[in-house]
Protein backbone atom coordinates (compact mmCIF):
# COMPACT_ATOMS: atom_id res chain seq x y z
CA UNK A 1 4.50 9.35 13.22
CA UNK A 2 3.74 11.30 16.52
CA UNK A 3 1.88 9.19 18.40
CA UNK A 4 2.18 10.05 22.16
CA UNK A 5 4.54 8.18 24.02
CA UNK A 6 5.60 5.91 21.53
CA UNK A 7 8.93 5.13 19.96
CA UNK A 8 9.45 3.57 16.69
CA UNK A 9 11.59 1.49 14.85
CA UNK A 10 11.44 -1.06 11.57
CA UNK A 11 12.15 -5.08 12.13
CA UNK A 12 13.80 -7.19 9.48
CA UNK A 13 13.44 -10.79 9.22
CA UNK A 14 14.07 -13.92 7.01
CA UNK A 15 10.82 -14.11 5.37
CA UNK A 16 9.59 -15.21 1.83
CA UNK A 17 9.13 -12.52 -0.71
CA UNK A 18 4.97 -13.54 -0.65
CA UNK A 19 4.81 -12.71 3.18
CA UNK A 20 5.53 -9.51 5.44
CA UNK A 21 9.15 -9.05 5.83
CA UNK A 22 10.01 -5.53 7.38
CA UNK A 23 7.72 -4.19 10.31
CA UNK A 24 6.86 -1.11 11.59
CA UNK A 25 6.67 -1.59 15.40
CA UNK A 26 6.19 0.52 18.28
CA UNK A 27 7.41 0.69 22.04
CA UNK A 28 5.13 2.48 24.76
CA UNK A 29 7.78 4.65 26.42
CA UNK A 30 6.02 4.53 29.81
CA UNK A 31 5.54 0.22 29.82
CA UNK A 32 7.77 -1.16 27.29
CA UNK A 33 4.55 -2.61 25.64
CA UNK A 34 5.19 -3.47 21.85
CA UNK A 35 2.95 -3.53 18.78
CA UNK A 36 3.14 -3.84 15.18
CA UNK A 37 2.22 -0.53 13.38
CA UNK A 38 2.50 -2.07 9.67
CA UNK A 39 4.48 -4.15 7.57
CA UNK A 40 5.95 -4.41 3.86
CA UNK A 41 6.02 -7.52 1.88
CA UNK A 42 7.49 -8.37 -1.94
CA UNK A 43 11.08 -8.75 -0.47
CA UNK A 44 13.01 -12.21 0.23
CA UNK A 45 14.83 -12.16 3.61
CA UNK A 46 15.19 -8.75 4.59
CA UNK A 47 17.79 -9.19 6.97
CA UNK A 48 19.33 -6.13 7.75
CA UNK A 49 17.86 -2.34 7.12
CA UNK A 50 19.59 1.30 7.08
CA UNK A 51 17.87 4.54 7.74
CA UNK A 52 19.08 7.68 5.97
CA UNK A 53 19.42 10.79 8.10
CA UNK A 54 16.18 12.65 7.41
CA UNK A 55 14.47 9.17 8.01
CA UNK A 56 12.16 9.64 4.76
CA UNK A 57 13.93 6.84 2.95
CA UNK A 58 14.98 3.04 4.03
CA UNK A 59 17.23 0.68 2.81
CA UNK A 60 16.89 -3.03 2.68
CA UNK A 61 19.46 -6.11 1.68
CA UNK A 62 17.33 -9.38 0.35
CA UNK A 63 19.84 -11.85 1.86
CA UNK A 64 19.76 -14.43 -0.81
CA UNK A 65 21.79 -16.25 -3.43
CA UNK A 66 21.52 -13.65 -5.96
CA UNK A 67 21.37 -10.67 -3.62
CA UNK A 68 19.74 -7.50 -4.18
CA UNK A 69 19.21 -3.92 -2.12
CA UNK A 70 16.24 -2.11 -2.36
CA UNK A 71 15.33 1.52 -1.56
CA UNK A 72 12.17 2.73 -0.04
CA UNK A 73 10.19 6.01 0.48
CA UNK A 74 8.94 6.22 3.92
CA UNK A 75 5.29 7.93 4.13
CA UNK A 76 5.85 10.74 6.72
CA UNK A 77 2.74 10.30 8.40
CA UNK A 78 2.51 6.55 8.93
CA UNK A 79 5.83 5.29 8.19
CA UNK A 80 4.79 3.16 5.36
CA UNK A 81 7.34 2.07 2.73
CA UNK A 82 6.76 2.51 -0.82
CA UNK A 83 9.30 0.34 -3.33
CA UNK A 84 11.75 3.18 -5.10
CA UNK A 85 13.97 0.65 -6.71
CA UNK A 86 16.03 -2.36 -6.30
CA UNK A 87 19.37 -3.44 -7.41
CA UNK A 88 21.49 -6.40 -7.83
CA UNK A 89 24.72 -6.56 -5.54
CA UNK A 90 26.44 -8.88 -8.14
CA UNK A 91 26.63 -11.15 -4.60
CA UNK A 92 25.34 -14.10 -2.40
CA UNK A 93 23.59 -13.24 0.40
CA UNK A 94 24.16 -9.95 1.43
CA UNK A 95 23.60 -9.35 5.04
CA UNK A 96 24.69 -5.74 6.13
CA UNK A 97 23.43 -2.21 4.60
CA UNK A 98 24.61 1.29 5.60
CA UNK A 99 25.17 4.57 4.69
CA UNK A 100 27.65 7.44 4.59
CA UNK A 101 27.01 10.50 6.82
CA UNK A 102 26.02 12.62 3.76
CA UNK A 103 23.74 9.93 2.42
CA UNK A 104 25.17 9.94 -0.91
CA UNK A 105 26.12 6.28 -0.71
CA UNK A 106 24.53 2.89 0.51
CA UNK A 107 27.01 0.51 1.40
CA UNK A 108 26.37 -3.49 1.20
CA UNK A 109 28.58 -6.59 2.65
CA UNK A 110 28.08 -9.82 0.75
CA UNK A 111 28.73 -12.34 3.15
CA UNK A 112 28.87 -15.50 0.70
CA UNK A 113 29.75 -13.73 -2.19
CA UNK A 114 32.87 -12.11 -0.40
CA UNK A 115 32.50 -8.94 -2.01
CA UNK A 116 31.29 -5.27 -0.94
CA UNK A 117 29.45 -2.75 -2.86
CA UNK A 118 28.98 0.99 -2.96
CA UNK A 119 25.97 2.32 -4.40
CA UNK A 120 25.42 6.08 -5.13
CA UNK A 121 21.81 7.81 -4.12
CA UNK A 122 20.13 9.89 -6.42
CA UNK A 123 18.36 13.21 -5.21
CA UNK A 124 15.23 10.91 -4.36
CA UNK A 125 16.70 8.52 -2.22
CA UNK A 126 16.52 5.87 -5.21
CA UNK A 127 19.60 3.90 -5.86
CA UNK A 128 21.66 4.86 -8.76
CA UNK A 129 24.92 2.77 -10.34
CA UNK A 130 26.99 0.71 -8.36
CA UNK A 131 29.97 2.78 -7.91
CA UNK A 132 32.37 0.43 -6.49
CA UNK A 133 33.02 -3.21 -5.72
CA UNK A 134 35.65 -4.95 -4.12
CA UNK A 135 35.90 -8.92 -3.81
CA UNK A 136 37.87 -10.18 -0.91
CA UNK A 137 40.31 -12.96 -1.29
CA UNK A 138 42.11 -15.65 1.09
CA UNK A 139 40.77 -17.33 4.17
CA UNK A 140 41.66 -18.25 8.08
CA UNK A 141 41.94 -21.57 10.08
CA UNK A 142 38.49 -22.76 10.82
CA UNK A 143 37.04 -24.90 7.45
CA UNK A 144 33.63 -24.76 8.33
CA UNK A 145 33.39 -21.01 8.83
CA UNK A 146 36.93 -19.45 7.09
CA UNK A 147 37.22 -21.28 3.97
CA UNK A 148 36.75 -18.10 2.02
CA UNK A 149 35.97 -14.44 2.49
CA UNK A 150 33.37 -13.53 4.36
CA UNK A 151 32.28 -9.73 5.03
CA UNK A 152 29.95 -9.66 7.20
CA UNK A 153 29.36 -5.44 8.01
CA UNK A 154 30.47 -2.30 6.45
CA UNK A 155 30.58 0.84 8.24
CA UNK A 156 31.56 4.53 7.29
CA UNK A 157 33.22 6.70 9.96
CA UNK A 158 31.67 9.66 11.27
CA UNK A 159 33.70 11.66 8.64
CA UNK A 160 32.83 9.71 5.37
CA UNK A 161 36.30 9.29 4.39
CA UNK A 162 36.86 5.75 5.77
CA UNK A 163 35.25 2.80 5.01
CA UNK A 164 35.43 -0.44 7.92
CA UNK A 165 34.57 -4.23 6.64
CA UNK A 166 34.14 -6.65 9.30
CA UNK A 167 35.50 -10.10 7.48
CA UNK A 168 34.52 -13.04 9.72
CA UNK A 169 36.29 -15.05 7.13
CA UNK A 170 39.54 -13.28 6.71
CA UNK A 171 39.92 -12.46 10.55
CA UNK A 172 40.31 -9.05 9.34
CA UNK A 173 38.92 -5.54 9.60
CA UNK A 174 39.86 -4.26 6.17
CA UNK A 175 39.77 -0.51 5.79
CA UNK A 176 39.55 1.63 2.69
CA UNK A 177 39.30 4.81 1.54
CA UNK A 178 36.16 6.33 0.20
CA UNK A 179 36.05 9.27 -2.29
CA UNK A 180 33.68 9.84 -5.30
CA UNK A 181 31.94 7.10 -4.79
CA UNK A 182 35.32 4.75 -5.20
CA UNK A 183 37.23 2.59 -2.84
CA UNK A 184 41.16 2.32 -2.23
CA UNK A 185 42.37 -0.24 0.30
CA UNK A 186 44.06 1.54 2.81
CA UNK A 187 44.74 -1.29 4.83
CA UNK A 188 43.68 -3.67 7.36
CA UNK A 189 43.27 -5.04 10.87
CA UNK A 190 44.21 -8.79 11.82
CA UNK A 191 42.97 -10.42 14.38
CA UNK A 192 43.71 -13.36 16.55
CA UNK A 193 43.11 -16.68 13.90
CA UNK A 194 39.41 -17.82 14.16
CA UNK A 195 38.44 -15.00 15.76
CA UNK A 196 35.61 -14.06 13.36
CA UNK A 197 35.30 -10.51 13.67
CA UNK A 198 31.34 -9.75 13.01
CA UNK A 199 29.94 -6.22 13.59
CA UNK A 200 31.94 -2.91 14.88
CA UNK A 201 30.34 0.21 16.90
CA UNK A 202 32.09 3.47 17.24
CA UNK A 203 32.18 5.64 20.51
CA UNK A 204 30.30 8.36 20.05
CA UNK A 205 33.30 10.80 20.87
CA UNK A 206 34.99 8.68 17.99
CA UNK A 207 38.03 8.08 20.06
CA UNK A 208 37.50 4.20 20.49
CA UNK A 209 35.74 1.42 18.39
CA UNK A 210 34.78 -2.03 19.75
CA UNK A 211 34.55 -5.10 17.40
CA UNK A 212 32.58 -8.11 18.32
CA UNK A 213 33.49 -11.83 17.57
CA UNK A 214 31.52 -14.37 16.47
CA UNK A 215 33.70 -17.15 16.68
CA UNK A 216 35.87 -16.65 19.67
CA UNK A 217 33.32 -14.72 21.89
CA UNK A 218 35.50 -11.69 22.21
CA UNK A 219 35.23 -7.83 22.31
CA UNK A 220 38.28 -5.91 21.15
CA UNK A 221 38.53 -2.62 21.73
CA UNK A 222 40.39 0.12 19.87
CA UNK A 223 41.87 3.49 19.96
CA UNK A 224 40.74 5.35 16.90
CA UNK A 225 42.24 7.83 15.19
CA UNK A 226 39.57 9.56 12.89
CA UNK A 227 42.23 11.69 10.82
CA UNK A 228 44.09 8.92 9.64
CA UNK A 229 41.71 6.06 9.96
CA UNK A 230 43.55 3.93 11.98
CA UNK A 231 42.61 0.98 14.80
CA UNK A 232 45.26 0.58 17.46
CA UNK A 233 44.60 -2.65 19.89
CA UNK A 234 43.96 -1.57 23.53
CA UNK A 235 41.96 -4.49 24.85
CA UNK A 236 40.46 -7.58 24.37
CA UNK A 237 37.61 -8.89 26.70
CA UNK A 238 35.05 -12.16 26.79
CA UNK A 239 31.83 -11.36 25.89
CA UNK A 240 30.28 -14.98 28.23
CA UNK A 241 30.78 -15.36 31.82
CA UNK A 242 33.35 -17.16 32.82
CA UNK A 243 31.77 -20.21 34.41
CA UNK A 244 29.61 -20.56 31.20
CA UNK A 245 30.65 -23.18 28.95
CA UNK A 246 28.04 -24.04 26.38
CA UNK A 247 27.82 -23.39 22.83
CA UNK A 248 27.30 -19.19 21.78
CA UNK A 249 27.97 -17.32 19.09
CA UNK A 250 28.81 -13.79 19.50
CA UNK A 251 26.24 -11.07 17.16
CA UNK A 252 25.88 -7.52 17.42
CA UNK A 253 27.19 -4.59 19.37
CA UNK A 254 26.15 -0.93 20.35
CA UNK A 255 27.36 1.93 22.38
CA UNK A 256 24.87 3.65 24.42
CA UNK A 257 24.33 7.81 22.94
CA UNK A 258 25.75 8.77 26.61
CA UNK A 259 29.18 6.81 25.69
CA UNK A 260 29.32 5.13 29.53
CA UNK A 261 27.64 1.93 28.27
CA UNK A 262 28.54 -1.03 25.71
CA UNK A 263 26.34 -3.71 25.09
CA UNK A 264 26.73 -7.35 22.94
CA UNK A 265 24.70 -9.86 22.37
CA UNK A 266 25.29 -13.40 22.63
CA UNK A 267 23.65 -16.39 20.54
CA UNK A 268 23.63 -19.51 22.47
CA UNK A 269 23.76 -18.21 26.06
CA UNK A 270 21.01 -16.09 25.46
CA UNK A 271 22.37 -13.00 26.37
CA UNK A 272 23.09 -9.42 26.24
CA UNK A 273 26.31 -8.63 27.91
CA UNK A 274 26.85 -5.08 29.52
CA UNK A 275 30.06 -3.21 30.16
CA UNK A 276 31.17 0.21 31.18
CA UNK A 277 33.55 2.05 29.47
CA UNK A 278 36.21 4.01 30.99
CA UNK A 279 36.00 7.13 29.25
CA UNK A 280 39.65 8.14 30.20
CA UNK A 281 41.03 5.10 28.57
CA UNK A 282 37.96 3.43 26.37
CA UNK A 283 38.71 0.17 27.95
CA UNK A 284 35.59 -2.39 29.16
CA UNK A 285 34.62 -3.75 32.60
CA UNK A 286 32.03 -6.54 32.45
CA UNK A 287 28.89 -5.84 34.50
CA UNK A 288 26.13 -7.70 34.00
CA UNK A 289 24.23 -10.40 31.66
CA UNK A 290 20.56 -9.90 31.10
CA UNK A 291 18.51 -12.40 29.10
CA UNK A 292 17.41 -11.74 26.08
CA UNK A 293 13.85 -13.15 26.22
CA UNK A 294 14.34 -16.07 23.61
CA UNK A 295 16.79 -17.87 21.90
CA UNK A 296 19.44 -16.79 19.36
CA UNK A 297 19.27 -12.59 19.91
CA UNK A 298 20.82 -11.63 16.48
CA UNK A 299 20.33 -8.33 16.46
CA UNK A 300 19.20 -5.39 19.06
CA UNK A 301 19.03 -1.72 19.51
CA UNK A 302 19.12 0.93 21.96
CA UNK A 303 16.18 3.51 21.54
CA UNK A 304 16.93 6.82 23.54
CA UNK A 305 14.12 6.79 25.97
CA UNK A 306 15.81 4.64 27.91
CA UNK A 307 14.68 0.88 26.27
CA UNK A 308 16.87 -1.99 24.45
CA UNK A 309 14.76 -3.94 21.89
CA UNK A 310 16.40 -7.27 21.17
CA UNK A 311 15.61 -9.33 17.83
CA UNK A 312 15.67 -13.53 18.64
CA UNK A 313 15.87 -15.35 15.72
CA UNK A 314 15.22 -18.65 16.46
CA UNK A 315 12.34 -18.01 18.85
CA UNK A 316 10.87 -15.37 16.43
CA UNK A 317 9.96 -12.83 18.82
CA UNK A 318 11.28 -9.25 19.76
CA UNK A 319 11.36 -8.05 23.40
CA UNK A 320 11.72 -4.89 25.28
CA UNK A 321 13.86 -4.14 28.20
CA UNK A 322 14.15 -1.12 30.25
CA UNK A 323 17.87 0.40 30.53
CA UNK A 324 19.02 1.88 34.07
CA UNK A 325 20.02 5.22 32.81
CA UNK A 326 22.84 5.24 35.97
CA UNK A 327 24.18 1.74 35.63
CA UNK A 328 23.43 0.90 32.07
CA UNK A 329 21.51 -2.59 33.40
CA UNK A 330 18.67 -3.74 31.27
CA UNK A 331 15.66 -5.21 33.28
CA UNK A 332 12.79 -7.55 30.84
CA UNK A 333 9.72 -5.41 30.77
CA UNK A 334 7.94 -8.32 30.06
CA UNK A 335 6.41 -7.28 26.60
CA UNK A 336 7.09 -9.65 23.78
CA UNK A 337 6.18 -9.76 20.17
CA UNK A 338 6.17 -12.80 17.99
CA UNK A 339 7.55 -11.59 14.33
CA UNK A 340 8.83 -14.35 11.77
CA UNK A 341 12.63 -14.82 12.73
CA UNK A 342 13.56 -11.15 13.61
CA UNK A 343 17.37 -10.31 12.81
CA UNK A 344 17.47 -6.72 12.38
CA UNK A 345 15.96 -3.69 14.76
CA UNK A 346 16.08 -0.14 13.06
CA UNK A 347 14.72 2.42 15.50
CA UNK A 348 13.59 5.95 14.25
CA UNK A 349 13.83 9.30 15.72
CA UNK A 350 17.14 8.63 17.38
CA UNK A 351 18.74 12.12 15.61
CA UNK A 352 16.11 14.19 16.56
């Protein structure tokens, strides 16, 4: 995929198994125009995607009652996917998938099942055995959303030694040691009851990490000790404007590659909030709220040429926003692409 002036990304959606669910899309680096390049069917609700470092393998969860994770080979010429294999997650509604830095382990969180998985990956990129499964227990204060564990996302740190799980139902980030594909509990970070931690983003320097809370609409900044795998609270900030009183739920969070900007998505307010990061302290200052260009921006991604792509689940569209590389401010390009309930954006070529 060497089309001139084009960047590429995969989009995961809520789609039936018989319809196209994973889309390879392009954005024109000159003007932000969006196009569908190809699509893949045969997987129900591929709601979250992950790429390996070589970008020749893609992994997708199938978010359904009997959850699965799929492994695909990527054709280097056209980006099309071919299924390698699929495995049960032994849990309901897997909603996040990621890889360890060495690409040897696939990590999955099962929202309704309350469990997390580690799968080993063979030399061809296919899923091998499930090497670890941990089921969380407990609850928090909200009967409607927190009557059981709900692990919403799972990440390895840059070293691959530690795994972090944001559990919305428990109001905790649970930290695990990962060794030889096995998980052992290291500890947990407790949030304000009713916070609902959802996603986590590490700063490129690994000095800080930032969690976004779905239920209380806050972003929590932590100092990160990479050697010990410890998170220490340094700041809590609102993701919504002070004058907004409507219903909204935070979703996704990302730090720009330059390390100066942090973005979060607000579903209800239908915006992407921009914070400036103090590079001496890691603390956040709110700067701007850009429209998501649709309703319920579930997920978004930063593309290195200077664009943010927003996936608007309820309006079934994705849009491109141009990023000002000096200020971080986002401006809609005017381009939109209709896709069925898009919920994940996974860029390619970001590490090259």
